[in-house]
């Protein structure tokens, strides 16, 4: 067996995507933690940057957009359309 098969990732390589979202009902530190945890449940390696006063969230993730949006909605923080 070639060595590269042994170290190949279990999931196919996907380039990270940047999601820019507006989450109107994110208003406090608890909301920031809940949004971050929701994103990390879709992609534990995601990078999340939150600007609470403007309700903006930037997410760098390899997870599909739909998976991240679904986890946010499940947590009660669906982004604005």
Foldseek 3Di string as FASTA:
>chain_A
DDPCVVVPDPDDDAAWDKDKFAFPPQADPVSVVLLVVLQCVQPVPKDWDADRVRRIIIITGRGDPVSSQVSCVVSVGHTDD
